[in-house]
Full PDB file with SEQRES, HELIX, SHEET, SSBOND, CRYST1, ORIGX, SCALE, CONECT and MASTER records, all heavy atoms in Angstrom:
SEQRES   1 A   42  PRO GLU HIS ARG ALA ARG ILE ALA ARG GLN VAL GLY LEU          
SEQRES   2 A   42  ALA LEU ALA LEU VAL PHE ARG ILE LEU PHE LEU PHE THR          
SEQRES   3 A   42  LEU THR TRP LEU MET GLY LEU THR SER THR LEU PHE VAL          
SEQRES   4 A   42  VAL PHE GLY                                                  
HELIX    1 AA1 GLU A    2  LEU A   24  1                                  23    
HELIX    2 AA2 LEU A   27  GLY A   32  1                                   6    
CRYST1    1.000    1.000    1.000  90.00  90.00  90.00 P 1           1          
ORIGX1      1.000000  0.000000  0.000000        0.00000                         
ORIGX2      0.000000  1.000000  0.000000        0.00000                         
ORIGX3      0.000000  0.000000  1.000000        0.00000                         
SCALE1      1.000000  0.000000  0.000000        0.00000                         
SCALE2      0.000000  1.000000  0.000000        0.00000                         
SCALE3      0.000000  0.000000  1.000000        0.00000                         
ATOM      1  N   PRO A   1      -3.232  33.604 -24.789  1.00  0.00           N  
ATOM      2  CA  PRO A   1      -4.103  34.616 -24.119  1.00  0.00           C  
ATOM      3  C   PRO A   1      -4.076  34.234 -22.638  1.00  0.00           C  
ATOM      4  O   PRO A   1      -3.892  33.069 -22.247  1.00  0.00           O  
ATOM      5  CB  PRO A   1      -5.449  34.388 -24.762  1.00  0.00           C  
ATOM      6  CG  PRO A   1      -5.172  33.719 -26.113  1.00  0.00           C  
ATOM      7  CD  PRO A   1      -3.991  32.879 -25.890  1.00  0.00           C  
ATOM      8  N   GLU A   2      -4.391  35.205 -21.874  1.00  0.00           N  
ATOM      9  CA  GLU A   2      -4.320  35.198 -20.451  1.00  0.00           C  
ATOM     10  C   GLU A   2      -5.070  34.033 -19.814  1.00  0.00           C  
ATOM     11  O   GLU A   2      -4.569  33.233 -19.084  1.00  0.00           O  
ATOM     12  CB  GLU A   2      -4.727  36.411 -19.726  1.00  0.00           C  
ATOM     13  CG  GLU A   2      -4.677  36.365 -18.157  1.00  0.00           C  
ATOM     14  CD  GLU A   2      -3.306  35.993 -17.603  1.00  0.00           C  
ATOM     15  OE1 GLU A   2      -2.187  36.395 -18.305  1.00  0.00           O  
ATOM     16  OE2 GLU A   2      -3.231  35.401 -16.637  1.00  0.00           O  
ATOM     17  N   HIS A   3      -6.260  33.858 -20.313  1.00  0.00           N  
ATOM     18  CA  HIS A   3      -7.167  32.693 -19.663  1.00  0.00           C  
ATOM     19  C   HIS A   3      -6.645  31.394 -20.051  1.00  0.00           C  
ATOM     20  O   HIS A   3      -6.686  30.423 -19.381  1.00  0.00           O  
ATOM     21  CB  HIS A   3      -8.689  32.934 -20.136  1.00  0.00           C  
ATOM     22  CG  HIS A   3      -8.829  32.658 -21.567  1.00  0.00           C  
ATOM     23  ND1 HIS A   3      -8.446  33.616 -22.543  1.00  0.00           N  
ATOM     24  CD2 HIS A   3      -9.476  31.634 -22.232  1.00  0.00           C  
ATOM     25  CE1 HIS A   3      -8.905  33.168 -23.738  1.00  0.00           C  
ATOM     26  NE2 HIS A   3      -9.394  31.961 -23.539  1.00  0.00           N  
ATOM     27  N   ARG A   4      -6.174  31.323 -21.375  1.00  0.00           N  
ATOM     28  CA  ARG A   4      -5.593  29.978 -21.780  1.00  0.00           C  
ATOM     29  C   ARG A   4      -4.273  29.737 -21.183  1.00  0.00           C  
ATOM     30  O   ARG A   4      -3.969  28.515 -20.819  1.00  0.00           O  
ATOM     31  CB  ARG A   4      -5.398  29.941 -23.284  1.00  0.00           C  
ATOM     32  CG  ARG A   4      -6.794  29.763 -24.028  1.00  0.00           C  
ATOM     33  CD  ARG A   4      -6.527  29.528 -25.488  1.00  0.00           C  
ATOM     34  NE  ARG A   4      -7.766  28.984 -26.184  1.00  0.00           N  
ATOM     35  CZ  ARG A   4      -8.098  27.728 -26.384  1.00  0.00           C  
ATOM     36  NH1 ARG A   4      -7.209  26.847 -26.017  1.00  0.00           N  
ATOM     37  NH2 ARG A   4      -9.185  27.391 -26.930  1.00  0.00           N  
ATOM     38  N   ALA A   5      -3.524  30.755 -20.888  1.00  0.00           N  
ATOM     39  CA  ALA A   5      -2.210  30.607 -20.260  1.00  0.00           C  
ATOM     40  C   ALA A   5      -2.373  30.052 -18.853  1.00  0.00           C  
ATOM     41  O   ALA A   5      -1.643  29.188 -18.397  1.00  0.00           O  
ATOM     42  CB  ALA A   5      -1.475  31.951 -20.212  1.00  0.00           C  
ATOM     43  N   ARG A   6      -3.431  30.594 -18.151  1.00  0.00           N  
ATOM     44  CA  ARG A   6      -3.660  30.093 -16.799  1.00  0.00           C  
ATOM     45  C   ARG A   6      -4.021  28.673 -16.791  1.00  0.00           C  
ATOM     46  O   ARG A   6      -3.579  27.925 -15.935  1.00  0.00           O  
ATOM     47  CB  ARG A   6      -4.782  31.079 -16.146  1.00  0.00           C  
ATOM     48  CG  ARG A   6      -4.977  30.633 -14.729  1.00  0.00           C  
ATOM     49  CD  ARG A   6      -6.016  31.553 -14.003  1.00  0.00           C  
ATOM     50  NE  ARG A   6      -7.269  31.501 -14.737  1.00  0.00           N  
ATOM     51  CZ  ARG A   6      -7.850  32.426 -15.461  1.00  0.00           C  
ATOM     52  NH1 ARG A   6      -7.142  33.522 -15.800  1.00  0.00           N  
ATOM     53  NH2 ARG A   6      -9.060  32.277 -16.066  1.00  0.00           N  
ATOM     54  N   ILE A   7      -4.931  28.297 -17.691  1.00  0.00           N  
ATOM     55  CA  ILE A   7      -5.375  26.908 -17.782  1.00  0.00           C  
ATOM     56  C   ILE A   7      -4.125  25.985 -18.074  1.00  0.00           C  
ATOM     57  O   ILE A   7      -3.935  24.831 -17.492  1.00  0.00           O  
ATOM     58  CB  ILE A   7      -6.401  26.621 -18.827  1.00  0.00           C  
ATOM     59  CG1 ILE A   7      -7.650  27.445 -18.416  1.00  0.00           C  
ATOM     60  CG2 ILE A   7      -6.659  25.249 -19.080  1.00  0.00           C  
ATOM     61  CD1 ILE A   7      -8.793  27.450 -19.469  1.00  0.00           C  
ATOM     62  N   ALA A   8      -3.233  26.492 -19.010  1.00  0.00           N  
ATOM     63  CA  ALA A   8      -2.096  25.619 -19.402  1.00  0.00           C  
ATOM     64  C   ALA A   8      -1.091  25.429 -18.237  1.00  0.00           C  
ATOM     65  O   ALA A   8      -0.677  24.400 -18.024  1.00  0.00           O  
ATOM     66  CB  ALA A   8      -1.287  26.335 -20.515  1.00  0.00           C  
ATOM     67  N   ARG A   9      -0.958  26.533 -17.425  1.00  0.00           N  
ATOM     68  CA  ARG A   9      -0.126  26.448 -16.256  1.00  0.00           C  
ATOM     69  C   ARG A   9      -0.727  25.427 -15.242  1.00  0.00           C  
ATOM     70  O   ARG A   9       0.012  24.525 -14.679  1.00  0.00           O  
ATOM     71  CB  ARG A   9      -0.030  27.741 -15.559  1.00  0.00           C  
ATOM     72  CG  ARG A   9       1.051  28.740 -16.220  1.00  0.00           C  
ATOM     73  CD  ARG A   9       1.445  29.828 -15.171  1.00  0.00           C  
ATOM     74  NE  ARG A   9       0.230  30.597 -14.687  1.00  0.00           N  
ATOM     75  CZ  ARG A   9      -0.305  31.620 -15.228  1.00  0.00           C  
ATOM     76  NH1 ARG A   9       0.205  32.076 -16.321  1.00  0.00           N  
ATOM     77  NH2 ARG A   9      -1.338  32.315 -14.718  1.00  0.00           N  
ATOM     78  N   GLN A  10      -2.108  25.531 -15.041  1.00  0.00           N  
ATOM     79  CA  GLN A  10      -2.678  24.597 -14.036  1.00  0.00           C  
ATOM     80  C   GLN A  10      -2.525  23.168 -14.547  1.00  0.00           C  
ATOM     81  O   GLN A  10      -2.223  22.308 -13.775  1.00  0.00           O  
ATOM     82  CB  GLN A  10      -4.154  24.998 -14.015  1.00  0.00           C  
ATOM     83  CG  GLN A  10      -4.381  26.350 -13.216  1.00  0.00           C  
ATOM     84  CD  GLN A  10      -5.790  26.791 -13.326  1.00  0.00           C  
ATOM     85  OE1 GLN A  10      -6.627  26.260 -14.017  1.00  0.00           O  
ATOM     86  NE2 GLN A  10      -6.149  27.743 -12.521  1.00  0.00           N  
ATOM     87  N   VAL A  11      -2.746  22.897 -15.886  1.00  0.00           N  
ATOM     88  CA  VAL A  11      -2.629  21.543 -16.506  1.00  0.00           C  
ATOM     89  C   VAL A  11      -1.239  21.092 -16.269  1.00  0.00           C  
ATOM     90  O   VAL A  11      -0.906  19.939 -15.851  1.00  0.00           O  
ATOM     91  CB  VAL A  11      -3.122  21.508 -17.893  1.00  0.00           C  
ATOM     92  CG1 VAL A  11      -2.617  20.243 -18.524  1.00  0.00           C  
ATOM     93  CG2 VAL A  11      -4.572  21.808 -18.058  1.00  0.00           C  
ATOM     94  N   GLY A  12      -0.277  21.842 -16.664  1.00  0.00           N  
ATOM     95  CA  GLY A  12       1.091  21.617 -16.560  1.00  0.00           C  
ATOM     96  C   GLY A  12       1.521  21.049 -15.211  1.00  0.00           C  
ATOM     97  O   GLY A  12       2.244  20.107 -14.974  1.00  0.00           O  
ATOM     98  N   LEU A  13       1.201  22.020 -14.205  1.00  0.00           N  
ATOM     99  CA  LEU A  13       1.737  21.694 -12.841  1.00  0.00           C  
ATOM    100  C   LEU A  13       0.804  20.504 -12.223  1.00  0.00           C  
ATOM    101  O   LEU A  13       1.403  19.804 -11.403  1.00  0.00           O  
ATOM    102  CB  LEU A  13       1.476  22.969 -11.968  1.00  0.00           C  
ATOM    103  CG  LEU A  13       2.468  24.150 -12.398  1.00  0.00           C  
ATOM    104  CD1 LEU A  13       2.241  25.398 -11.655  1.00  0.00           C  
ATOM    105  CD2 LEU A  13       3.923  23.632 -12.069  1.00  0.00           C  
ATOM    106  N   ALA A  14      -0.430  20.354 -12.573  1.00  0.00           N  
ATOM    107  CA  ALA A  14      -1.162  19.235 -12.136  1.00  0.00           C  
ATOM    108  C   ALA A  14      -0.534  17.874 -12.665  1.00  0.00           C  
ATOM    109  O   ALA A  14      -0.447  16.923 -11.930  1.00  0.00           O  
ATOM    110  CB  ALA A  14      -2.639  19.329 -12.672  1.00  0.00           C  
ATOM    111  N   LEU A  15      -0.065  17.956 -13.924  1.00  0.00           N  
ATOM    112  CA  LEU A  15       0.573  16.774 -14.480  1.00  0.00           C  
ATOM    113  C   LEU A  15       1.905  16.462 -13.795  1.00  0.00           C  
ATOM    114  O   LEU A  15       2.262  15.386 -13.588  1.00  0.00           O  
ATOM    115  CB  LEU A  15       0.814  17.022 -16.010  1.00  0.00           C  
ATOM    116  CG  LEU A  15      -0.385  16.939 -16.865  1.00  0.00           C  
ATOM    117  CD1 LEU A  15      -0.111  17.449 -18.288  1.00  0.00           C  
ATOM    118  CD2 LEU A  15      -0.913  15.513 -16.960  1.00  0.00           C  
ATOM    119  N   ALA A  16       2.609  17.593 -13.444  1.00  0.00           N  
ATOM    120  CA  ALA A  16       3.883  17.413 -12.631  1.00  0.00           C  
ATOM    121  C   ALA A  16       3.559  16.733 -11.295  1.00  0.00           C  
ATOM    122  O   ALA A  16       4.327  15.833 -11.003  1.00  0.00           O  
ATOM    123  CB  ALA A  16       4.484  18.803 -12.448  1.00  0.00           C  
ATOM    124  N   LEU A  17       2.553  17.115 -10.663  1.00  0.00           N  
ATOM    125  CA  LEU A  17       2.144  16.456  -9.396  1.00  0.00           C  
ATOM    126  C   LEU A  17       1.833  14.969  -9.700  1.00  0.00           C  
ATOM    127  O   LEU A  17       2.292  14.092  -8.881  1.00  0.00           O  
ATOM    128  CB  LEU A  17       1.031  17.193  -8.812  1.00  0.00           C  
ATOM    129  CG  LEU A  17       0.492  16.656  -7.428  1.00  0.00           C  
ATOM    130  CD1 LEU A  17       1.589  16.638  -6.377  1.00  0.00           C  
ATOM    131  CD2 LEU A  17      -0.723  17.447  -6.956  1.00  0.00           C  
ATOM    132  N   VAL A  18       0.969  14.801 -10.671  1.00  0.00           N  
ATOM    133  CA  VAL A  18       0.547  13.384 -10.895  1.00  0.00           C  
ATOM    134  C   VAL A  18       1.611  12.464 -11.229  1.00  0.00           C  
ATOM    135  O   VAL A  18       1.814  11.365 -10.695  1.00  0.00           O  
ATOM    136  CB  VAL A  18      -0.482  13.353 -12.086  1.00  0.00           C  
ATOM    137  CG1 VAL A  18      -0.778  11.930 -12.509  1.00  0.00           C  
ATOM    138  CG2 VAL A  18      -1.800  14.054 -11.634  1.00  0.00           C  
ATOM    139  N   PHE A  19       2.630  12.919 -12.142  1.00  0.00           N  
ATOM    140  CA  PHE A  19       3.689  12.154 -12.495  1.00  0.00           C  
ATOM    141  C   PHE A  19       4.585  11.802 -11.448  1.00  0.00           C  
ATOM    142  O   PHE A  19       5.080  10.693 -11.179  1.00  0.00           O  
ATOM    143  CB  PHE A  19       4.510  12.779 -13.589  1.00  0.00           C  
ATOM    144  CG  PHE A  19       3.888  12.879 -14.914  1.00  0.00           C  
ATOM    145  CD1 PHE A  19       3.948  13.896 -15.809  1.00  0.00           C  
ATOM    146  CD2 PHE A  19       3.153  11.696 -15.443  1.00  0.00           C  
ATOM    147  CE1 PHE A  19       3.345  13.889 -17.052  1.00  0.00           C  
ATOM    148  CE2 PHE A  19       2.492  11.712 -16.689  1.00  0.00           C  
ATOM    149  CZ  PHE A  19       2.557  12.872 -17.466  1.00  0.00           C  
ATOM    150  N   ARG A  20       4.893  12.784 -10.515  1.00  0.00           N  
ATOM    151  CA  ARG A  20       5.782  12.510  -9.421  1.00  0.00           C  
ATOM    152  C   ARG A  20       5.260  11.585  -8.396  1.00  0.00           C  
ATOM    153  O   ARG A  20       5.893  10.686  -7.873  1.00  0.00           O  
ATOM    154  CB  ARG A  20       6.134  13.959  -8.737  1.00  0.00           C  
ATOM    155  CG  ARG A  20       7.145  14.708  -9.499  1.00  0.00           C  
ATOM    156  CD  ARG A  20       7.159  16.259  -9.012  1.00  0.00           C  
ATOM    157  NE  ARG A  20       8.246  16.930  -9.480  1.00  0.00           N  
ATOM    158  CZ  ARG A  20       8.370  17.507 -10.733  1.00  0.00           C  
ATOM    159  NH1 ARG A  20       7.430  17.191 -11.627  1.00  0.00           N  
ATOM    160  NH2 ARG A  20       9.476  18.158 -11.100  1.00  0.00           N  
ATOM    161  N   ILE A  21       3.954  11.722  -8.084  1.00  0.00           N  
ATOM    162  CA  ILE A  21       3.270  10.814  -7.157  1.00  0.00           C  
ATOM    163  C   ILE A  21       3.141   9.414  -7.698  1.00  0.00           C  
ATOM    164  O   ILE A  21       3.404   8.357  -7.038  1.00  0.00           O  
ATOM    165  CB  ILE A  21       1.926  11.344  -6.699  1.00  0.00           C  
ATOM    166  CG1 ILE A  21       2.121  12.692  -5.935  1.00  0.00           C  
ATOM    167  CG2 ILE A  21       1.159  10.343  -5.911  1.00  0.00           C  
ATOM    168  CD1 ILE A  21       0.799  13.220  -5.391  1.00  0.00           C  
ATOM    169  N   LEU A  22       2.824   9.338  -9.044  1.00  0.00           N  
ATOM    170  CA  LEU A  22       2.814   8.038  -9.718  1.00  0.00           C  
ATOM    171  C   LEU A  22       4.072   7.385  -9.687  1.00  0.00           C  
ATOM    172  O   LEU A  22       4.137   6.130  -9.330  1.00  0.00           O  
ATOM    173  CB  LEU A  22       2.378   8.195 -11.205  1.00  0.00           C  
ATOM    174  CG  LEU A  22       2.271   6.994 -12.128  1.00  0.00           C  
ATOM    175  CD1 LEU A  22       1.163   6.073 -11.585  1.00  0.00           C  
ATOM    176  CD2 LEU A  22       1.984   7.429 -13.536  1.00  0.00           C  
ATOM    177  N   PHE A  23       5.215   8.059 -10.025  1.00  0.00           N  
ATOM    178  CA  PHE A  23       6.490   7.477  -9.989  1.00  0.00           C  
ATOM    179  C   PHE A  23       6.838   6.937  -8.460  1.00  0.00           C  
ATOM    180  O   PHE A  23       7.537   5.988  -8.295  1.00  0.00           O  
ATOM    181  CB  PHE A  23       7.585   8.392 -10.453  1.00  0.00           C  
ATOM    182  CG  PHE A  23       7.437   8.680 -11.924  1.00  0.00           C  
ATOM    183  CD1 PHE A  23       7.982   9.763 -12.568  1.00  0.00           C  
ATOM    184  CD2 PHE A  23       7.050   7.641 -12.790  1.00  0.00           C  
ATOM    185  CE1 PHE A  23       7.874   9.953 -13.927  1.00  0.00           C  
ATOM    186  CE2 PHE A  23       6.913   7.907 -14.063  1.00  0.00           C  
ATOM    187  CZ  PHE A  23       7.395   9.042 -14.717  1.00  0.00           C  
ATOM    188  N   LEU A  24       6.417   7.815  -7.443  1.00  0.00           N  
ATOM    189  CA  LEU A  24       6.750   7.365  -6.075  1.00  0.00           C  
ATOM    190  C   LEU A  24       6.080   6.095  -5.755  1.00  0.00           C  
ATOM    191  O   LEU A  24       6.657   5.273  -4.991  1.00  0.00           O  
ATOM    192  CB  LEU A  24       6.234   8.539  -5.143  1.00  0.00           C  
ATOM    193  CG  LEU A  24       7.113   9.720  -4.974  1.00  0.00           C  
ATOM    194  CD1 LEU A  24       6.485  10.782  -4.181  1.00  0.00           C  
ATOM    195  CD2 LEU A  24       8.475   9.321  -4.404  1.00  0.00           C  
ATOM    196  N   PHE A  25       4.893   5.822  -6.263  1.00  0.00           N  
ATOM    197  CA  PHE A  25       4.211   4.565  -5.982  1.00  0.00           C  
ATOM    198  C   PHE A  25       4.607   3.425  -6.856  1.00  0.00           C  
ATOM    199  O   PHE A  25       3.997   2.335  -6.795  1.00  0.00           O  
ATOM    200  CB  PHE A  25       2.703   4.742  -6.038  1.00  0.00           C  
ATOM    201  CG  PHE A  25       2.202   5.435  -4.756  1.00  0.00           C  
ATOM    202  CD1 PHE A  25       1.872   6.832  -4.854  1.00  0.00           C  
ATOM    203  CD2 PHE A  25       1.976   4.824  -3.586  1.00  0.00           C  
ATOM    204  CE1 PHE A  25       1.431   7.430  -3.635  1.00  0.00           C  
ATOM    205  CE2 PHE A  25       1.522   5.434  -2.483  1.00  0.00           C  
ATOM    206  CZ  PHE A  25       1.214   6.722  -2.458  1.00  0.00           C  
ATOM    207  N   THR A  26       5.520   3.710  -7.794  1.00  0.00           N  
ATOM    208  CA  THR A  26       6.079   2.549  -8.644  1.00  0.00           C  
ATOM    209  C   THR A  26       7.588   2.581  -8.528  1.00  0.00           C  
ATOM    210  O   THR A  26       8.321   2.604  -9.501  1.00  0.00           O  
ATOM    211  CB  THR A  26       5.707   2.847 -10.157  1.00  0.00           C  
ATOM    212  OG1 THR A  26       6.050   4.208 -10.549  1.00  0.00           O  
ATOM    213  CG2 THR A  26       4.154   2.766 -10.363  1.00  0.00           C  
ATOM    214  N   LEU A  27       8.002   2.651  -7.273  1.00  0.00           N  
ATOM    215  CA  LEU A  27       9.463   2.791  -6.990  1.00  0.00           C  
ATOM    216  C   LEU A  27      10.301   1.606  -7.616  1.00  0.00           C  
ATOM    217  O   LEU A  27      11.389   1.782  -8.099  1.00  0.00           O  
ATOM    218  CB  LEU A  27       9.720   2.865  -5.460  1.00  0.00           C  
ATOM    219  CG  LEU A  27       9.239   4.143  -4.766  1.00  0.00           C  
ATOM    220  CD1 LEU A  27       9.527   4.113  -3.291  1.00  0.00           C  
ATOM    221  CD2 LEU A  27       9.766   5.356  -5.438  1.00  0.00           C  
ATOM    222  N   THR A  28       9.724   0.429  -7.432  1.00  0.00           N  
ATOM    223  CA  THR A  28      10.524  -0.754  -7.961  1.00  0.00           C  
ATOM    224  C   THR A  28      10.626  -0.633  -9.585  1.00  0.00           C  
ATOM    225  O   THR A  28      11.806  -0.817 -10.003  1.00  0.00           O  
ATOM    226  CB  THR A  28       9.613  -2.076  -7.782  1.00  0.00           C  
ATOM    227  OG1 THR A  28       9.366  -2.235  -6.313  1.00  0.00           O  
ATOM    228  CG2 THR A  28      10.429  -3.247  -8.347  1.00  0.00           C  
ATOM    229  N   TRP A  29       9.610  -0.157 -10.152  1.00  0.00           N  
ATOM    230  CA  TRP A  29       9.895  -0.004 -11.685  1.00  0.00           C  
ATOM    231  C   TRP A  29      10.756   1.235 -11.898  1.00  0.00           C  
ATOM    232  O   TRP A  29      11.552   1.155 -12.802  1.00  0.00           O  
ATOM    233  CB  TRP A  29       8.494   0.362 -12.264  1.00  0.00           C  
ATOM    234  CG  TRP A  29       8.504   0.826 -13.731  1.00  0.00           C  
ATOM    235  CD1 TRP A  29       8.700  -0.045 -14.777  1.00  0.00           C  
ATOM    236  CD2 TRP A  29       8.589   2.039 -14.230  1.00  0.00           C  
ATOM    237  NE1 TRP A  29       8.775   0.743 -15.991  1.00  0.00           N  
ATOM    238  CE2 TRP A  29       8.771   1.982 -15.704  1.00  0.00           C  
ATOM    239  CE3 TRP A  29       8.465   3.359 -13.612  1.00  0.00           C  
ATOM    240  CZ2 TRP A  29       8.678   3.191 -16.464  1.00  0.00           C  
ATOM    241  CZ3 TRP A  29       8.431   4.498 -14.456  1.00  0.00           C  
ATOM    242  CH2 TRP A  29       8.554   4.396 -15.877  1.00  0.00           C  
ATOM    243  N   LEU A  30      10.602   2.313 -11.101  1.00  0.00           N  
ATOM    244  CA  LEU A  30      11.470   3.454 -11.281  1.00  0.00           C  
ATOM    245  C   LEU A  30      12.957   3.186 -11.066  1.00  0.00           C  
ATOM    246  O   LEU A  30      13.846   3.551 -11.819  1.00  0.00           O  
ATOM    247  CB  LEU A  30      11.045   4.614 -10.395  1.00  0.00           C  
ATOM    248  CG  LEU A  30      11.613   5.984 -10.606  1.00  0.00           C  
ATOM    249  CD1 LEU A  30      11.344   6.443 -12.021  1.00  0.00           C  
ATOM    250  CD2 LEU A  30      11.202   7.038  -9.559  1.00  0.00           C  
ATOM    251  N   MET A  31      13.213   2.523 -10.034  1.00  0.00           N  
ATOM    252  CA  MET A  31      14.631   2.011  -9.780  1.00  0.00           C  
ATOM    253  C   MET A  31      15.158   1.132 -10.854  1.00  0.00           C  
ATOM    254  O   MET A  31      16.344   1.025 -11.086  1.00  0.00           O  
ATOM    255  CB  MET A  31      14.788   1.344  -8.374  1.00  0.00           C  
ATOM    256  CG  MET A  31      14.444   2.403  -7.290  1.00  0.00           C  
ATOM    257  SD  MET A  31      15.418   3.928  -7.425  1.00  0.00           S  
ATOM    258  CE  MET A  31      17.055   3.277  -7.118  1.00  0.00           C  
ATOM    259  N   GLY A  32      14.238   0.368 -11.571  1.00  0.00           N  
ATOM    260  CA  GLY A  32      14.692  -0.433 -12.648  1.00  0.00           C  
ATOM    261  C   GLY A  32      15.197   0.411 -13.798  1.00  0.00           C  
ATOM    262  O   GLY A  32      15.881  -0.061 -14.651  1.00  0.00           O  
ATOM    263  N   LEU A  33      14.790   1.668 -13.815  1.00  0.00           N  
ATOM    264  CA  LEU A  33      15.351   2.587 -14.909  1.00  0.00           C  
ATOM    265  C   LEU A  33      16.808   2.742 -14.699  1.00  0.00           C  
ATOM    266  O   LEU A  33      17.515   3.168 -15.668  1.00  0.00           O  
ATOM    267  CB  LEU A  33      14.689   3.883 -14.879  1.00  0.00           C  
ATOM    268  CG  LEU A  33      13.169   3.856 -15.123  1.00  0.00           C  
ATOM    269  CD1 LEU A  33      12.629   5.262 -15.073  1.00  0.00           C  
ATOM    270  CD2 LEU A  33      12.884   3.347 -16.518  1.00  0.00           C  
ATOM    271  N   THR A  34      17.359   2.461 -13.537  1.00  0.00           N  
ATOM    272  CA  THR A  34      18.848   2.690 -13.367  1.00  0.00           C  
ATOM    273  C   THR A  34      19.620   1.421 -13.662  1.00  0.00           C  
ATOM    274  O   THR A  34      20.872   1.333 -13.404  1.00  0.00           O  
ATOM    275  CB  THR A  34      19.073   3.163 -11.932  1.00  0.00           C  
ATOM    276  OG1 THR A  34      18.636   2.225 -10.949  1.00  0.00           O  
ATOM    277  CG2 THR A  34      18.371   4.504 -11.652  1.00  0.00           C  
ATOM    278  N   SER A  35      18.966   0.334 -14.025  1.00  0.00           N  
ATOM    279  CA  SER A  35      19.559  -0.986 -14.399  1.00  0.00           C  
ATOM    280  C   SER A  35      20.262  -0.776 -15.758  1.00  0.00           C  
ATOM    281  O   SER A  35      19.823  -0.182 -16.718  1.00  0.00           O  
ATOM    282  CB  SER A  35      18.631  -2.061 -14.494  1.00  0.00           C  
ATOM    283  OG  SER A  35      18.030  -2.338 -13.228  1.00  0.00           O  
ATOM    284  N   THR A  36      21.493  -1.338 -15.912  1.00  0.00           N  
ATOM    285  CA  THR A  36      22.270  -1.158 -17.078  1.00  0.00           C  
ATOM    286  C   THR A  36      21.607  -1.870 -18.300  1.00  0.00           C  
ATOM    287  O   THR A  36      21.255  -2.985 -18.222  1.00  0.00           O  
ATOM    288  CB  THR A  36      23.806  -1.785 -16.896  1.00  0.00           C  
ATOM    289  OG1 THR A  36      24.387  -1.110 -15.743  1.00  0.00           O  
ATOM    290  CG2 THR A  36      24.568  -1.649 -18.168  1.00  0.00           C  
ATOM    291  N   LEU A  37      21.517  -1.122 -19.331  1.00  0.00           N  
ATOM    292  CA  LEU A  37      20.991  -1.682 -20.668  1.00  0.00           C  
ATOM    293  C   LEU A  37      22.149  -2.131 -21.568  1.00  0.00           C  
ATOM    294  O   LEU A  37      22.046  -3.219 -22.023  1.00  0.00           O  
ATOM    295  CB  LEU A  37      20.137  -0.571 -21.350  1.00  0.00           C  
ATOM    296  CG  LEU A  37      18.821  -0.167 -20.749  1.00  0.00           C  
ATOM    297  CD1 LEU A  37      18.255   0.954 -21.520  1.00  0.00           C  
ATOM    298  CD2 LEU A  37      17.822  -1.368 -20.777  1.00  0.00           C  
ATOM    299  N   PHE A  38      23.029  -1.238 -21.633  1.00  0.00           N  
ATOM    300  CA  PHE A  38      24.267  -1.594 -22.451  1.00  0.00           C  
ATOM    301  C   PHE A  38      25.533  -0.778 -21.985  1.00  0.00           C  
ATOM    302  O   PHE A  38      25.231   0.175 -21.212  1.00  0.00           O  
ATOM    303  CB  PHE A  38      23.977  -1.461 -23.960  1.00  0.00           C  
ATOM    304  CG  PHE A  38      23.320  -0.156 -24.309  1.00  0.00           C  
ATOM    305  CD1 PHE A  38      24.151   0.977 -24.634  1.00  0.00           C  
ATOM    306  CD2 PHE A  38      22.025   0.037 -24.432  1.00  0.00           C  
ATOM    307  CE1 PHE A  38      23.730   2.136 -25.034  1.00  0.00           C  
ATOM    308  CE2 PHE A  38      21.463   1.166 -24.899  1.00  0.00           C  
ATOM    309  CZ  PHE A  38      22.305   2.320 -25.111  1.00  0.00           C  
ATOM    310  N   VAL A  39      26.618  -1.034 -22.594  1.00  0.00           N  
ATOM    311  CA  VAL A  39      27.816  -0.284 -22.289  1.00  0.00           C  
ATOM    312  C   VAL A  39      28.361   0.304 -23.493  1.00  0.00           C  
ATOM    313  O   VAL A  39      28.497  -0.265 -24.539  1.00  0.00           O  
ATOM    314  CB  VAL A  39      28.834  -1.182 -21.556  1.00  0.00           C  
ATOM    315  CG1 VAL A  39      30.166  -0.416 -21.226  1.00  0.00           C  
ATOM    316  CG2 VAL A  39      28.305  -1.909 -20.249  1.00  0.00           C  
ATOM    317  N   VAL A  40      28.806   1.657 -23.366  1.00  0.00           N  
ATOM    318  CA  VAL A  40      29.313   2.428 -24.466  1.00  0.00           C  
ATOM    319  C   VAL A  40      30.596   3.025 -23.926  1.00  0.00           C  
ATOM    320  O   VAL A  40      30.584   3.722 -23.021  1.00  0.00           O  
ATOM    321  CB  VAL A  40      28.412   3.514 -25.034  1.00  0.00           C  
ATOM    322  CG1 VAL A  40      29.122   4.360 -26.051  1.00  0.00           C  
ATOM    323  CG2 VAL A  40      27.078   2.903 -25.489  1.00  0.00           C  
ATOM    324  N   PHE A  41      31.771   2.598 -24.596  1.00  0.00           N  
ATOM    325  CA  PHE A  41      33.008   3.176 -24.228  1.00  0.00           C  
ATOM    326  C   PHE A  41      33.346   2.977 -22.735  1.00  0.00           C  
ATOM    327  O   PHE A  41      33.896   3.918 -22.047  1.00  0.00           O  
ATOM    328  CB  PHE A  41      33.251   4.573 -24.613  1.00  0.00           C  
ATOM    329  CG  PHE A  41      33.083   4.878 -26.098  1.00  0.00           C  
ATOM    330  CD1 PHE A  41      32.041   5.668 -26.566  1.00  0.00           C  
ATOM    331  CD2 PHE A  41      33.918   4.297 -27.013  1.00  0.00           C  
ATOM    332  CE1 PHE A  41      31.878   5.879 -27.906  1.00  0.00           C  
ATOM    333  CE2 PHE A  41      33.862   4.463 -28.392  1.00  0.00           C  
ATOM    334  CZ  PHE A  41      32.764   5.260 -28.802  1.00  0.00           C  
ATOM    335  N   GLY A  42      32.967   1.798 -22.157  1.00  0.00           N  
ATOM    336  CA  GLY A  42      33.156   1.587 -20.798  1.00  0.00           C  
ATOM    337  C   GLY A  42      32.223   2.222 -19.770  1.00  0.00           C  
ATOM    338  O   GLY A  42      32.325   2.009 -18.685  1.00  0.00           O  
TER     339      GLY A  42                                                      
MASTER        0    0    0    2    0    0    0    6  338    1    0    4          
END                                                                             
């Protein structure tokens, strides 16, 4: 319904903002995500 859709959009985009800023302030951890875990077919 329209009122719930509006709330869901607000929640979704607020979370998008929170996650992005959170990741920006954890750059060391985030860049660690690009460290090699294992190798598959080279």
